Amino acid sequence: MPKIMSTILYQSPIFGPVHSRRLGVSLGINLMPADGKVCTFDCIYCECGLNAEHRPSEHRPTRDEVSNALREVLHDRHTKGLPLDVITFAGNGEPTAHPEFPDIIRDTIALRDQYFPEAKVSVLSNATMIHKPAIREALMLVDNNIQKLDTVDATYINKVDRPVSASYDVKDIISNLKEFHGHVIIQTMFMKGSNNVDNTGEFYVAPWIEAVKEIAPQQVMIYTIDRDTPVSGLEKADKTTLDTIRDRVTALGIPCTASY
């Protein structure tokens, strides 16, 4: 059994830039406390660790704190002529759970337009908050509305993604994803591991493909483990498996990328 690996937490409210496999030179915005993790999922593969192991003592950054910090960094990079491909909401938990998320999105877009109009604004989300109209409206404004859907199997979700809310229902998530009317990118982690953690087989892939077809997103991003995870025994999905799944998505007429 592989040992439990180390995890990382991100600075708040701004971190990076980092090089993203899927997005390029990415400046991160972390709307959660810098000293802990606050998330509506508790994924066993999360690079930030498990919720219970990283309870924060600091507060979430306010709208003004995010705006002021972002303005400073963007102004500095613009003045120095440093590149920037994307501004990405990610970090130590679910960004859309921040109470000021819609206003922060609007502030971010305004600052992007001022300093780096060619850069994209991206949100990495687990889709748990998209039932709220204000959240969906804000996500419709960003360039890359990236929403997680690792599987449509409830048992696997409870074992791997581990939603905090007992009311989580993947059928509702799929219905809400359809409300974006195509302005959404589906992101899926495929992996293998001990304790029957493996969503790469046909039992999981075929229904997931049908859900993707139903959602009709603008793009699909599939990937596998690339960084440390808080739970041992997890393994990367191999390139051949990911390429096969990718090709099945593109056969639907939906662009799909695979990151290894």
C-alpha atoms as a PDB file:
ATOM      1  CA  MET A   1       0.000   0.000   0.000  1.00  0.00           C
ATOM      2  CA  PRO A   2       1.549   3.374  -1.021  1.00  0.00           C
ATOM      3  CA  LYS A   3       2.193   5.781   1.805  1.00  0.00           C
ATOM      4  CA  ILE A   4      -0.096   8.755   2.450  1.00  0.00           C
ATOM      5  CA  MET A   5       1.306  11.649   0.447  1.00  0.00           C
ATOM      6  CA  SER A   6       1.727  15.274   1.446  1.00  0.00           C
ATOM      7  CA  THR A   7      -0.739  17.952   0.405  1.00  0.00           C
ATOM      8  CA  ILE A   8      -0.568  21.692  -0.173  1.00  0.00           C
ATOM      9  CA  LEU A   9      -2.570  24.785   0.667  1.00  0.00           C
ATOM     10  CA  TYR A  10      -2.641  27.947  -1.416  1.00  0.00           C
ATOM     11  CA  GLN A  11      -2.073  31.565  -0.472  1.00  0.00           C
ATOM     12  CA  SER A  12      -5.144  33.759  -0.250  1.00  0.00           C
ATOM     13  CA  PRO A  13      -6.518  35.618  -2.062  1.00  0.00           C
ATOM     14  CA  ILE A  14      -3.944  35.490  -4.913  1.00  0.00           C
ATOM     15  CA  PHE A  15      -1.442  32.737  -5.683  1.00  0.00           C
ATOM     16  CA  GLY A  16       0.851  31.838  -8.534  1.00  0.00           C
ATOM     17  CA  PRO A  17       0.942  32.124 -11.395  1.00  0.00           C
ATOM     18  CA  VAL A  18       1.238  28.391 -11.926  1.00  0.00           C
ATOM     19  CA  HIS A  19       1.468  26.397 -15.129  1.00  0.00           C
ATOM     20  CA  SER A  20      -1.775  24.510 -15.648  1.00  0.00           C
ATOM     21  CA  ARG A  21      -1.853  21.394 -17.811  1.00  0.00           C
ATOM     22  CA  ARG A  22      -5.186  22.532 -19.221  1.00  0.00           C
ATOM     23  CA  LEU A  23      -5.158  26.343 -19.034  1.00  0.00           C
ATOM     24  CA  GLY A  24      -1.592  27.664 -19.467  1.00  0.00           C
ATOM     25  CA  VAL A  25      -0.034  30.454 -17.337  1.00  0.00           C
ATOM     26  CA  SER A  26      -2.675  30.745 -14.647  1.00  0.00           C
ATOM     27  CA  LEU A  27      -2.955  33.321 -11.861  1.00  0.00           C
ATOM     28  CA  GLY A  28      -4.975  31.763  -9.066  1.00  0.00           C
ATOM     29  CA  ILE A  29      -7.661  33.296  -6.887  1.00  0.00           C
ATOM     30  CA  ASN A  30      -8.313  31.474  -3.626  1.00  0.00           C
ATOM     31  CA  LEU A  31     -11.546  32.590  -1.964  1.00  0.00           C
ATOM     32  CA  MET A  32     -10.963  30.371   1.052  1.00  0.00           C
ATOM     33  CA  PRO A  33      -8.696  30.966   4.069  1.00  0.00           C
ATOM     34  CA  ALA A  34      -4.978  30.565   3.419  1.00  0.00           C
ATOM     35  CA  ASP A  35      -4.457  28.339   6.457  1.00  0.00           C
ATOM     36  CA  GLY A  36      -7.104  25.710   5.811  1.00  0.00           C
ATOM     37  CA  LYS A  37      -9.607  24.056   3.526  1.00  0.00           C
ATOM     38  CA  VAL A  38     -13.332  24.812   3.226  1.00  0.00           C
ATOM     39  CA  CYS A  39     -15.121  22.708   0.634  1.00  0.00           C
ATOM     40  CA  THR A  40     -18.503  21.203  -0.135  1.00  0.00           C
ATOM     41  CA  PHE A  41     -16.669  18.049  -1.296  1.00  0.00           C
ATOM     42  CA  ASP A  42     -14.036  16.075   0.596  1.00  0.00           C
ATOM     43  CA  CYS A  43     -12.348  14.300  -2.316  1.00  0.00           C
ATOM     44  CA  ILE A  44      -9.864  11.584  -1.460  1.00  0.00           C
ATOM     45  CA  TYR A  45      -7.618  12.816  -4.300  1.00  0.00           C
ATOM     46  CA  CYS A  46      -7.677  16.544  -3.432  1.00  0.00           C
ATOM     47  CA  GLU A  47      -4.212  18.077  -3.464  1.00  0.00           C
ATOM     48  CA  CYS A  48      -5.285  20.382  -0.604  1.00  0.00           C
ATOM     49  CA  GLY A  49      -5.944  17.432   1.701  1.00  0.00           C
ATOM     50  CA  LEU A  50      -9.006  16.298   3.598  1.00  0.00           C
ATOM     51  CA  ASN A  51     -11.353  18.791   5.216  1.00  0.00           C
ATOM     52  CA  ALA A  52     -10.909  17.523   8.767  1.00  0.00           C
ATOM     53  CA  GLU A  53      -7.122  17.752   8.540  1.00  0.00           C
ATOM     54  CA  HIS A  54      -7.060  21.426   7.560  1.00  0.00           C
ATOM     55  CA  ARG A  55      -9.633  23.334   9.608  1.00  0.00           C
ATOM     56  CA  PRO A  56      -8.889  27.054   9.102  1.00  0.00           C
ATOM     57  CA  SER A  57      -8.548  29.686  11.792  1.00  0.00           C
ATOM     58  CA  GLU A  58      -8.346  32.651   9.411  1.00  0.00           C
ATOM     59  CA  HIS A  59     -11.286  34.264   7.605  1.00  0.00           C
ATOM     60  CA  ARG A  60     -12.201  34.131   3.964  1.00  0.00           C
ATOM     61  CA  PRO A  61     -10.935  37.143   2.008  1.00  0.00           C
ATOM     62  CA  THR A  62     -13.572  39.824   1.496  1.00  0.00           C
ATOM     63  CA  ARG A  63     -14.639  41.170  -1.870  1.00  0.00           C
ATOM     64  CA  ASP A  64     -12.498  44.279  -1.341  1.00  0.00           C
ATOM     65  CA  GLU A  65      -9.483  42.257  -0.264  1.00  0.00           C
ATOM     66  CA  VAL A  66      -9.717  40.118  -3.401  1.00  0.00           C
ATOM     67  CA  SER A  67     -10.176  43.125  -5.691  1.00  0.00           C
ATOM     68  CA  ASN A  68      -7.308  45.126  -4.167  1.00  0.00           C
ATOM     69  CA  ALA A  69      -4.888  42.199  -4.210  1.00  0.00           C
ATOM     70  CA  LEU A  70      -5.782  41.257  -7.780  1.00  0.00           C
ATOM     71  CA  ARG A  71      -5.425  44.833  -8.985  1.00  0.00           C
ATOM     72  CA  GLU A  72      -1.935  45.035  -7.464  1.00  0.00           C
ATOM     73  CA  VAL A  73      -0.740  41.805  -9.081  1.00  0.00           C
ATOM     74  CA  LEU A  74      -2.249  42.543 -12.496  1.00  0.00           C
ATOM     75  CA  HIS A  75      -0.837  46.079 -12.514  1.00  0.00           C
ATOM     76  CA  ASP A  76       2.617  44.729 -11.643  1.00  0.00           C
ATOM     77  CA  ARG A  77       2.551  42.033 -14.337  1.00  0.00           C
ATOM     78  CA  HIS A  78       1.220  44.481 -16.918  1.00  0.00           C
ATOM     79  CA  THR A  79       3.936  47.022 -16.112  1.00  0.00           C
ATOM     80  CA  LYS A  80       6.673  44.378 -16.342  1.00  0.00           C
ATOM     81  CA  GLY A  81       5.282  42.860 -19.538  1.00  0.00           C
ATOM     82  CA  LEU A  82       4.848  39.444 -17.956  1.00  0.00           C
ATOM     83  CA  PRO A  83       2.480  37.000 -19.712  1.00  0.00           C
ATOM     84  CA  LEU A  84      -0.867  35.824 -18.388  1.00  0.00           C
ATOM     85  CA  ASP A  85      -3.184  33.350 -20.092  1.00  0.00           C
ATOM     86  CA  VAL A  86      -5.883  32.921 -17.489  1.00  0.00           C
ATOM     87  CA  ILE A  87      -7.161  34.033 -14.098  1.00  0.00           C
ATOM     88  CA  THR A  88      -8.456  30.952 -12.324  1.00  0.00           C
ATOM     89  CA  PHE A  89     -10.711  30.643  -9.295  1.00  0.00           C
ATOM     90  CA  ALA A  90      -9.481  27.564  -7.444  1.00  0.00           C
ATOM     91  CA  GLY A  91      -7.526  27.184  -4.209  1.00  0.00           C
ATOM     92  CA  ASN A  92      -8.434  25.685  -0.858  1.00  0.00           C
ATOM     93  CA  GLY A  93     -12.037  24.702  -1.483  1.00  0.00           C
ATOM     94  CA  GLU A  94     -15.161  25.439  -3.498  1.00  0.00           C
ATOM     95  CA  PRO A  95     -14.968  29.056  -4.810  1.00  0.00           C
ATOM     96  CA  THR A  96     -18.683  29.427  -5.525  1.00  0.00           C
ATOM     97  CA  ALA A  97     -19.404  28.892  -1.821  1.00  0.00           C
ATOM     98  CA  HIS A  98     -18.005  32.343  -1.026  1.00  0.00           C
ATOM     99  CA  PRO A  99     -20.948  34.601  -0.041  1.00  0.00           C
ATOM    100  CA  GLU A 100     -19.704  37.407  -2.313  1.00  0.00           C
ATOM    101  CA  PHE A 101     -18.839  35.188  -5.281  1.00  0.00           C
ATOM    102  CA  PRO A 102     -21.063  36.901  -7.910  1.00  0.00           C
ATOM    103  CA  ASP A 103     -19.697  40.371  -7.078  1.00  0.00           C
ATOM    104  CA  ILE A 104     -16.127  39.087  -6.996  1.00  0.00           C
ATOM    105  CA  ILE A 105     -16.590  37.610 -10.471  1.00  0.00           C
ATOM    106  CA  ARG A 106     -17.781  40.961 -11.812  1.00  0.00           C
ATOM    107  CA  ASP A 107     -14.852  42.776 -10.179  1.00  0.00           C
ATOM    108  CA  THR A 108     -12.411  40.263 -11.641  1.00  0.00           C
ATOM    109  CA  ILE A 109     -13.777  40.617 -15.156  1.00  0.00           C
ATOM    110  CA  ALA A 110     -13.488  44.411 -14.934  1.00  0.00           C
ATOM    111  CA  LEU A 111      -9.861  44.189 -13.792  1.00  0.00           C
ATOM    112  CA  ARG A 112      -9.070  41.594 -16.456  1.00  0.00           C
ATOM    113  CA  ASP A 113     -10.502  43.904 -19.107  1.00  0.00           C
ATOM    114  CA  GLN A 114      -8.359  46.767 -17.819  1.00  0.00           C
ATOM    115  CA  TYR A 115      -4.997  44.997 -17.616  1.00  0.00           C
ATOM    116  CA  PHE A 116      -5.095  41.737 -19.619  1.00  0.00           C
ATOM    117  CA  PRO A 117      -8.108  41.840 -21.969  1.00  0.00           C
ATOM    118  CA  GLU A 118      -6.911  38.737 -23.828  1.00  0.00           C
ATOM    119  CA  ALA A 119      -6.717  36.609 -20.678  1.00  0.00           C
ATOM    120  CA  LYS A 120      -9.527  34.213 -19.848  1.00  0.00           C
ATOM    121  CA  VAL A 121     -11.376  34.037 -16.548  1.00  0.00           C
ATOM    122  CA  SER A 122     -11.894  30.470 -15.373  1.00  0.00           C
ATOM    123  CA  VAL A 123     -13.718  28.904 -12.444  1.00  0.00           C
ATOM    124  CA  LEU A 124     -12.945  25.388 -11.214  1.00  0.00           C
ATOM    125  CA  SER A 125     -16.054  24.212  -9.391  1.00  0.00           C
ATOM    126  CA  ASN A 126     -17.561  20.979  -8.105  1.00  0.00           C
ATOM    127  CA  ALA A 127     -21.062  22.082  -9.226  1.00  0.00           C
ATOM    128  CA  THR A 128     -22.583  21.878  -5.741  1.00  0.00           C
ATOM    129  CA  MET A 129     -23.744  25.519  -5.754  1.00  0.00           C
ATOM    130  CA  ILE A 130     -25.062  25.864  -9.294  1.00  0.00           C
ATOM    131  CA  HIS A 131     -28.652  25.339  -8.176  1.00  0.00           C
ATOM    132  CA  LYS A 132     -28.531  28.977  -7.036  1.00  0.00           C
ATOM    133  CA  PRO A 133     -29.586  31.401  -9.818  1.00  0.00           C
ATOM    134  CA  ALA A 134     -27.086  34.084  -8.740  1.00  0.00           C
ATOM    135  CA  ILE A 135     -24.222  31.589  -8.981  1.00  0.00           C
ATOM    136  CA  ARG A 136     -25.306  30.394 -12.422  1.00  0.00           C
ATOM    137  CA  GLU A 137     -25.644  33.993 -13.645  1.00  0.00           C
ATOM    138  CA  ALA A 138     -22.121  34.785 -12.464  1.00  0.00           C
ATOM    139  CA  LEU A 139     -20.709  31.651 -14.085  1.00  0.00           C
ATOM    140  CA  MET A 140     -22.343  32.599 -17.377  1.00  0.00           C
ATOM    141  CA  LEU A 141     -20.068  35.679 -17.393  1.00  0.00           C
ATOM    142  CA  VAL A 142     -16.757  33.804 -17.226  1.00  0.00           C
ATOM    143  CA  ASP A 143     -14.882  32.396 -20.211  1.00  0.00           C
ATOM    144  CA  ASN A 144     -14.263  28.943 -18.790  1.00  0.00           C
ATOM    145  CA  ASN A 145     -17.069  27.671 -16.566  1.00  0.00           C
ATOM    146  CA  ILE A 146     -15.442  24.387 -15.530  1.00  0.00           C
ATOM    147  CA  GLN A 147     -17.694  22.057 -13.548  1.00  0.00           C
ATOM    148  CA  LYS A 148     -16.802  18.686 -12.074  1.00  0.00           C
ATOM    149  CA  LEU A 149     -18.630  15.465 -12.929  1.00  0.00           C
ATOM    150  CA  ASP A 150     -16.440  12.479 -12.034  1.00  0.00           C
ATOM    151  CA  THR A 151     -19.197   9.903 -12.518  1.00  0.00           C
ATOM    152  CA  VAL A 152     -22.960   9.482 -12.366  1.00  0.00           C
ATOM    153  CA  ASP A 153     -22.716   6.614  -9.898  1.00  0.00           C
ATOM    154  CA  ALA A 154     -23.856   7.637  -6.410  1.00  0.00           C
ATOM    155  CA  THR A 155     -21.830   4.947  -4.626  1.00  0.00           C
ATOM    156  CA  TYR A 156     -18.610   6.038  -6.296  1.00  0.00           C
ATOM    157  CA  ILE A 157     -19.360   9.710  -5.584  1.00  0.00           C
ATOM    158  CA  ASN A 158     -19.901   8.999  -1.895  1.00  0.00           C
ATOM    159  CA  LYS A 159     -16.695   6.986  -1.738  1.00  0.00           C
ATOM    160  CA  VAL A 160     -14.430   9.333  -3.723  1.00  0.00           C
ATOM    161  CA  ASP A 161     -15.891  12.863  -3.988  1.00  0.00           C
ATOM    162  CA  ARG A 162     -17.646  12.594  -0.619  1.00  0.00           C
ATOM    163  CA  PRO A 163     -20.154  15.505  -0.741  1.00  0.00           C
ATOM    164  CA  VAL A 164     -20.542  17.263   2.597  1.00  0.00           C
ATOM    165  CA  SER A 165     -24.294  17.689   2.147  1.00  0.00           C
ATOM    166  CA  ALA A 166     -26.464  14.597   2.554  1.00  0.00           C
ATOM    167  CA  SER A 167     -28.876  16.083   0.006  1.00  0.00           C
ATOM    168  CA  TYR A 168     -26.379  15.874  -2.862  1.00  0.00           C
ATOM    169  CA  ASP A 169     -27.953  14.122  -5.840  1.00  0.00           C
ATOM    170  CA  VAL A 170     -26.005  13.720  -9.071  1.00  0.00           C
ATOM    171  CA  LYS A 171     -29.258  13.679 -11.051  1.00  0.00           C
ATOM    172  CA  ASP A 172     -29.962  17.206  -9.804  1.00  0.00           C
ATOM    173  CA  ILE A 173     -26.410  18.219 -10.687  1.00  0.00           C
ATOM    174  CA  ILE A 174     -26.849  17.018 -14.252  1.00  0.00           C
ATOM    175  CA  SER A 175     -30.156  18.862 -14.517  1.00  0.00           C
ATOM    176  CA  ASN A 176     -28.524  22.054 -13.262  1.00  0.00           C
ATOM    177  CA  LEU A 177     -25.584  21.661 -15.641  1.00  0.00           C
ATOM    178  CA  LYS A 178     -28.052  21.620 -18.510  1.00  0.00           C
ATOM    179  CA  GLU A 179     -29.242  25.070 -17.383  1.00  0.00           C
ATOM    180  CA  PHE A 180     -26.002  26.560 -18.730  1.00  0.00           C
ATOM    181  CA  HIS A 181     -27.246  25.710 -22.252  1.00  0.00           C
ATOM    182  CA  GLY A 182     -23.789  24.686 -23.407  1.00  0.00           C
ATOM    183  CA  HIS A 183     -21.774  27.407 -21.670  1.00  0.00           C
ATOM    184  CA  VAL A 184     -20.010  24.872 -19.469  1.00  0.00           C
ATOM    185  CA  ILE A 185     -16.886  22.706 -19.541  1.00  0.00           C
ATOM    186  CA  ILE A 186     -17.154  19.312 -17.877  1.00  0.00           C
ATOM    187  CA  GLN A 187     -14.063  18.215 -15.954  1.00  0.00           C
ATOM    188  CA  THR A 188     -13.649  14.580 -14.924  1.00  0.00           C
ATOM    189  CA  MET A 189     -10.986  12.806 -12.889  1.00  0.00           C
ATOM    190  CA  PHE A 190     -10.394   9.229 -14.011  1.00  0.00           C
ATOM    191  CA  MET A 191      -8.236   7.080 -11.760  1.00  0.00           C
ATOM    192  CA  LYS A 192      -7.680   3.663 -10.279  1.00  0.00           C
ATOM    193  CA  GLY A 193      -6.823   2.463  -6.806  1.00  0.00           C
ATOM    194  CA  SER A 194      -7.444   0.147  -3.899  1.00  0.00           C
ATOM    195  CA  ASN A 195     -10.815  -0.315  -2.186  1.00  0.00           C
ATOM    196  CA  ASN A 196     -12.624  -0.558  -5.542  1.00  0.00           C
ATOM    197  CA  VAL A 197     -11.734   2.992  -6.551  1.00  0.00           C
ATOM    198  CA  ASP A 198     -11.767   2.788 -10.338  1.00  0.00           C
ATOM    199  CA  ASN A 199     -14.082   4.731 -12.653  1.00  0.00           C
ATOM    200  CA  THR A 200     -12.312   3.784 -15.879  1.00  0.00           C
ATOM    201  CA  GLY A 201     -14.405   0.705 -16.700  1.00  0.00           C
ATOM    202  CA  GLU A 202     -17.438   0.536 -18.927  1.00  0.00           C
ATOM    203  CA  PHE A 203     -19.803   0.341 -15.937  1.00  0.00           C
ATOM    204  CA  TYR A 204     -18.861   3.934 -15.114  1.00  0.00           C
ATOM    205  CA  VAL A 205     -17.810   5.331 -18.472  1.00  0.00           C
ATOM    206  CA  ALA A 206     -20.926   4.472 -20.511  1.00  0.00           C
ATOM    207  CA  PRO A 207     -23.435   6.255 -18.220  1.00  0.00           C
ATOM    208  CA  TRP A 208     -21.021   9.181 -17.885  1.00  0.00           C
ATOM    209  CA  ILE A 209     -20.886   9.454 -21.675  1.00  0.00           C
ATOM    210  CA  GLU A 210     -24.684   9.556 -21.785  1.00  0.00           C
ATOM    211  CA  ALA A 211     -24.730  12.328 -19.175  1.00  0.00           C
ATOM    212  CA  VAL A 212     -22.191  14.326 -21.172  1.00  0.00           C
ATOM    213  CA  LYS A 213     -24.344  13.919 -24.267  1.00  0.00           C
ATOM    214  CA  GLU A 214     -27.358  15.154 -22.308  1.00  0.00           C
ATOM    215  CA  ILE A 215     -25.524  18.181 -20.879  1.00  0.00           C
ATOM    216  CA  ALA A 216     -24.050  19.075 -24.305  1.00  0.00           C
ATOM    217  CA  PRO A 217     -21.114  21.127 -22.943  1.00  0.00           C
ATOM    218  CA  GLN A 218     -18.831  23.285 -25.047  1.00  0.00           C
ATOM    219  CA  GLN A 219     -15.905  21.089 -24.037  1.00  0.00           C
ATOM    220  CA  VAL A 220     -14.866  18.183 -21.819  1.00  0.00           C
ATOM    221  CA  MET A 221     -11.588  17.942 -19.914  1.00  0.00           C
ATOM    222  CA  ILE A 222     -10.570  14.525 -18.656  1.00  0.00           C
ATOM    223  CA  TYR A 223      -7.502  14.047 -16.524  1.00  0.00           C
ATOM    224  CA  THR A 224      -5.865  11.830 -13.953  1.00  0.00           C
ATOM    225  CA  ILE A 225      -3.791  12.184 -10.803  1.00  0.00           C
ATOM    226  CA  ASP A 226      -0.789  14.456 -11.288  1.00  0.00           C
ATOM    227  CA  ARG A 227      -0.056  15.704  -7.766  1.00  0.00           C
ATOM    228  CA  ASP A 228       0.085  14.421  -4.220  1.00  0.00           C
ATOM    229  CA  THR A 229      -3.131  13.084  -2.713  1.00  0.00           C
ATOM    230  CA  PRO A 230      -4.169  12.804   0.943  1.00  0.00           C
ATOM    231  CA  VAL A 231      -5.263   9.156   0.681  1.00  0.00           C
ATOM    232  CA  SER A 232      -2.938   6.327  -0.225  1.00  0.00           C
ATOM    233  CA  GLY A 233      -3.511   3.643  -2.821  1.00  0.00           C
ATOM    234  CA  LEU A 234      -4.631   5.904  -5.680  1.00  0.00           C
ATOM    235  CA  GLU A 235      -3.176   5.369  -9.143  1.00  0.00           C
ATOM    236  CA  LYS A 236      -3.125   7.227 -12.436  1.00  0.00           C
ATOM    237  CA  ALA A 237      -5.358   6.119 -15.263  1.00  0.00           C
ATOM    238  CA  ASP A 238      -3.128   5.097 -18.156  1.00  0.00           C
ATOM    239  CA  LYS A 239      -2.802   7.096 -21.358  1.00  0.00           C
ATOM    240  CA  THR A 240      -4.513   4.493 -23.530  1.00  0.00           C
ATOM    241  CA  THR A 241      -7.585   4.472 -21.290  1.00  0.00           C
ATOM    242  CA  LEU A 242      -7.839   8.273 -21.244  1.00  0.00           C
ATOM    243  CA  ASP A 243      -7.333   8.502 -25.009  1.00  0.00           C
ATOM    244  CA  THR A 244     -10.096   5.963 -25.601  1.00  0.00           C
ATOM    245  CA  ILE A 245     -12.535   7.890 -23.411  1.00  0.00           C
ATOM    246  CA  ARG A 246     -11.509  11.145 -25.081  1.00  0.00           C
ATOM    247  CA  ASP A 247     -12.173   9.693 -28.521  1.00  0.00           C
ATOM    248  CA  ARG A 248     -15.644   8.544 -27.459  1.00  0.00           C
ATOM    249  CA  VAL A 249     -16.479  12.087 -26.382  1.00  0.00           C
ATOM    250  CA  THR A 250     -15.164  13.682 -29.551  1.00  0.00           C
ATOM    251  CA  ALA A 251     -17.227  11.170 -31.539  1.00  0.00           C
ATOM    252  CA  LEU A 252     -20.252  12.958 -30.070  1.00  0.00           C
ATOM    253  CA  GLY A 253     -19.076  16.186 -31.688  1.00  0.00           C
ATOM    254  CA  ILE A 254     -17.897  17.595 -28.331  1.00  0.00           C
ATOM    255  CA  PRO A 255     -14.271  18.776 -28.084  1.00  0.00           C
ATOM    256  CA  CYS A 256     -12.371  16.832 -25.437  1.00  0.00           C
ATOM    257  CA  THR A 257      -8.840  17.004 -24.067  1.00  0.00           C
ATOM    258  CA  ALA A 258      -6.985  14.389 -22.020  1.00  0.00           C
ATOM    259  CA  SER A 259      -4.251  15.316 -19.524  1.00  0.00           C
ATOM    260  CA  TYR A 260      -1.963  12.583 -18.224  1.00  0.00           C
END
